[in-house]
Amino acid sequence: MSDSKLKAKERRDYILTLLKERDEPLTGSSIAKEMHVTRQVIVGDVSLLKASGEPIVATSQGYVYLTKMNSAPKFKRTIVCCHSAEQTEAELTIMVDHGVKIEDVVVEHPVYGDLTARLNISNRRDVQRFIDQVNSTKASFLLELTDGIHTHTISADQIEALDEAEKELASKGILLELK
C-alpha cells in the first residue's frame, strides 16, 4: 500500500475513533484542524466511512456516530409546520422547551423531491448554535423553498412531551393541521 493510501486509511481510522468516543457532535472543521488537513478532506473521509457502512450522521452541529445507546427507540412522530424564516427560532425553542428533540427538517422540492436535513437539536444551546450558523453563513432555511411548509421528525422519551409541544405550536399558528 502506498504512503498516501496508508495515511488516508489511518486518518479515517482516527476519525472513526474520535466519533465513537464522543457523545457530542464533532464538526468537520474541528477534526480538520486537529489533523492538519482541510475540512473538505474530512468530508471526503466521512463520506467514504459512511459508504463502507459506518453509522455516521451529519447534523447541523457536526458528525455523530450512531450507537445503540444514542439511537434507541423513543416516541417519534412527524409534524407539518408552516411559518416564516423569522419564526424558526421560536418554533425550535418551543419544541426543545417541552423536552422534544428535532431530528430533521424535510421540504418537498419541485425538482429534487424530498430534501432532508438532519438537525439533531435537543436544547436551547443547539437552537442558538443552529440559528447562529445559518446567520453567519447567510444560508437560507429550507422552508424558504416551500413558502414556509416543512415537516419535522420529532422524538421524546415521553409521548406527553410531543403532545404538549404540538399543542403550543398549534396555539402559535406554527403547526399546520388538517381542518
Protein backbone atom coordinates (compact mmCIF):
# COMPACT_ATOMS: atom_id res chain seq x y z
CA MET A 1 0.00 0.00 0.00
CA SER A 2 1.37 3.44 -0.88
CA ASP A 3 2.18 6.04 1.78
CA SER A 4 -0.74 8.28 0.78
CA LYS A 5 -3.23 5.40 0.94
CA LEU A 6 -1.87 4.36 4.32
CA LYS A 7 -2.13 7.93 5.63
CA ALA A 8 -5.69 8.23 4.33
CA LYS A 9 -6.69 4.94 5.97
CA GLU A 10 -5.01 5.95 9.23
CA ARG A 11 -6.84 9.29 9.11
CA ARG A 12 -10.21 7.58 8.56
CA ASP A 13 -9.48 5.13 11.41
CA TYR A 14 -8.66 8.08 13.67
CA ILE A 15 -11.85 9.92 12.65
CA LEU A 16 -13.86 6.79 13.44
CA THR A 17 -12.20 6.52 16.87
CA LEU A 18 -12.92 10.19 17.62
CA LEU A 19 -16.57 9.86 16.67
CA LYS A 20 -17.07 6.65 18.64
CA GLU A 21 -15.55 8.17 21.78
CA ARG A 22 -17.61 11.37 21.73
CA ASP A 23 -21.15 11.85 22.94
CA GLU A 24 -21.28 15.32 21.40
CA PRO A 25 -21.17 16.01 17.64
CA LEU A 26 -17.79 16.83 16.11
CA THR A 27 -17.54 19.40 13.33
CA GLY A 28 -15.58 18.67 10.19
CA SER A 29 -13.63 21.88 10.79
CA SER A 30 -12.51 20.83 14.28
CA ILE A 31 -11.40 17.41 13.04
CA ALA A 32 -9.59 19.02 10.09
CA LYS A 33 -7.77 21.46 12.37
CA GLU A 34 -6.65 18.66 14.67
CA MET A 35 -5.42 16.55 11.74
CA HIS A 36 -3.86 19.46 9.80
CA VAL A 37 -5.94 18.89 6.66
CA THR A 38 -8.78 20.79 5.01
CA ARG A 39 -12.39 20.37 6.02
CA GLN A 40 -13.07 19.04 2.53
CA VAL A 41 -10.62 16.16 3.13
CA ILE A 42 -12.61 15.26 6.26
CA VAL A 43 -15.90 15.48 4.34
CA GLY A 44 -14.49 13.02 1.81
CA ASP A 45 -13.18 10.70 4.53
CA VAL A 46 -16.52 10.71 6.34
CA SER A 47 -18.34 10.02 3.06
CA LEU A 48 -16.08 7.01 2.48
CA LEU A 49 -16.69 5.78 6.03
CA LYS A 50 -20.46 6.13 5.57
CA ALA A 51 -20.26 4.30 2.23
CA SER A 52 -18.44 1.44 3.98
CA GLY A 53 -21.40 1.04 6.35
CA GLU A 54 -20.35 3.08 9.36
CA PRO A 55 -23.43 4.64 11.02
CA ILE A 56 -22.22 8.24 10.87
CA VAL A 57 -24.75 11.04 10.57
CA ALA A 58 -24.02 14.64 9.61
CA THR A 59 -26.08 17.04 11.71
CA SER A 60 -26.16 20.83 11.92
CA GLN A 61 -23.84 20.55 14.95
CA GLY A 62 -21.39 18.13 13.33
CA TYR A 63 -20.83 14.42 12.80
CA VAL A 64 -22.31 11.83 15.15
CA TYR A 65 -21.59 8.11 15.33
CA LEU A 66 -24.86 6.31 15.99
CA THR A 67 -24.67 3.70 18.70
CA LYS A 68 -27.43 1.60 20.17
CA MET A 69 -27.48 3.99 23.13
CA ASN A 70 -27.98 7.23 21.18
CA SER A 71 -30.25 5.68 18.55
CA ALA A 72 -32.54 3.88 21.00
CA PRO A 73 -36.20 3.92 20.03
CA LYS A 74 -38.22 6.76 21.50
CA PHE A 75 -41.63 8.12 20.85
CA LYS A 76 -41.47 9.67 17.39
CA ARG A 77 -43.80 11.46 15.06
CA THR A 78 -43.77 13.68 12.04
CA ILE A 79 -45.36 17.10 12.24
CA VAL A 80 -46.13 19.59 9.49
CA CYS A 81 -45.31 23.23 10.13
CA CYS A 82 -45.75 26.44 8.20
CA HIS A 83 -44.19 29.73 9.23
CA SER A 84 -41.77 32.43 8.17
CA ALA A 85 -37.99 32.18 8.45
CA GLU A 86 -38.14 34.73 11.27
CA GLN A 87 -40.26 32.32 13.36
CA THR A 88 -37.77 29.43 13.10
CA GLU A 89 -36.02 30.12 16.39
CA ALA A 90 -39.36 30.34 18.23
CA GLU A 91 -40.54 27.08 16.62
CA LEU A 92 -37.41 25.17 17.61
CA THR A 93 -37.34 26.67 21.12
CA ILE A 94 -40.94 25.65 21.78
CA MET A 95 -40.11 22.05 20.96
CA VAL A 96 -36.90 21.77 23.00
CA ASP A 97 -38.52 23.54 25.96
CA HIS A 98 -41.00 20.64 26.06
CA GLY A 99 -38.19 18.07 26.04
CA VAL A 100 -38.58 17.26 22.35
CA LYS A 101 -35.66 16.50 20.07
CA ILE A 102 -35.91 17.80 16.50
CA GLU A 103 -34.41 15.02 14.41
CA ASP A 104 -34.70 16.60 10.98
CA VAL A 105 -36.46 19.00 8.65
CA VAL A 106 -37.90 17.96 5.27
CA VAL A 107 -39.20 20.07 2.42
CA GLU A 108 -40.69 18.92 -0.85
CA HIS A 109 -38.72 20.40 -3.74
CA PRO A 110 -40.39 20.50 -7.18
CA VAL A 111 -37.31 19.09 -8.93
CA TYR A 112 -35.41 17.07 -6.31
CA GLY A 113 -38.35 15.68 -4.34
CA ASP A 114 -37.93 15.45 -0.57
CA LEU A 115 -34.89 17.31 0.73
CA THR A 116 -33.97 16.22 4.25
CA ALA A 117 -31.54 17.87 6.62
CA ARG A 118 -30.65 16.19 9.91
CA LEU A 119 -30.84 18.70 12.73
CA ASN A 120 -30.35 16.73 15.94
CA ILE A 121 -31.46 19.71 18.07
CA SER A 122 -32.39 18.91 21.66
CA ASN A 123 -31.80 22.01 23.79
CA ARG A 124 -31.65 25.81 23.65
CA ARG A 125 -27.88 25.79 23.11
CA ASP A 126 -28.36 23.64 19.99
CA VAL A 127 -31.10 26.01 18.78
CA GLN A 128 -28.84 29.03 19.23
CA ARG A 129 -25.91 27.30 17.54
CA PHE A 130 -28.12 26.40 14.56
CA ILE A 131 -29.55 29.93 14.22
CA ASP A 132 -26.07 31.48 14.56
CA GLN A 133 -24.71 29.11 11.91
CA VAL A 134 -27.48 29.98 9.46
CA ASN A 135 -26.96 33.70 10.09
CA SER A 136 -23.16 33.65 9.95
CA THR A 137 -23.12 31.70 6.67
CA LYS A 138 -26.01 33.73 5.23
CA ALA A 139 -27.65 30.41 4.36
CA SER A 140 -31.36 30.13 3.70
CA PHE A 141 -33.71 27.99 5.73
CA LEU A 142 -35.11 25.07 3.73
CA LEU A 143 -38.64 26.34 4.43
CA GLU A 144 -37.88 29.31 2.18
CA LEU A 145 -38.06 26.91 -0.79
CA THR A 146 -41.66 25.98 0.02
CA ASP A 147 -43.34 29.17 1.27
CA GLY A 148 -42.81 28.01 4.83
CA ILE A 149 -44.23 24.48 4.62
CA HIS A 150 -41.98 21.76 6.05
CA THR A 151 -42.05 18.68 8.22
CA HIS A 152 -40.03 17.68 11.24
CA THR A 153 -39.41 14.26 12.68
CA ILE A 154 -39.53 14.82 16.42
CA SER A 155 -38.87 12.47 19.31
CA ALA A 156 -39.10 12.41 23.08
CA ASP A 157 -38.82 9.98 25.94
CA GLN A 158 -42.47 10.62 26.86
CA ILE A 159 -45.39 10.91 24.50
CA GLU A 160 -46.82 13.76 26.58
CA ALA A 161 -43.84 15.92 25.63
CA LEU A 162 -44.72 15.50 21.94
CA ASP A 163 -48.39 16.25 22.63
CA GLU A 164 -47.59 19.39 24.66
CA ALA A 165 -45.15 20.70 22.07
CA GLU A 166 -47.69 20.19 19.30
CA LYS A 167 -50.36 21.95 21.33
CA GLU A 168 -48.15 25.02 21.85
CA LEU A 169 -47.02 25.05 18.20
CA ALA A 170 -50.71 24.98 17.18
CA SER A 171 -51.56 27.82 19.57
CA LYS A 172 -48.81 29.95 17.97
CA GLY A 173 -50.10 29.21 14.45
CA ILE A 174 -46.95 27.27 13.51
CA LEU A 175 -48.37 23.77 13.29
CA LEU A 176 -50.24 23.05 10.07
CA GLU A 177 -53.29 21.00 10.99
CA LEU A 178 -55.97 19.25 8.99
CA LYS A 179 -59.15 21.29 9.04
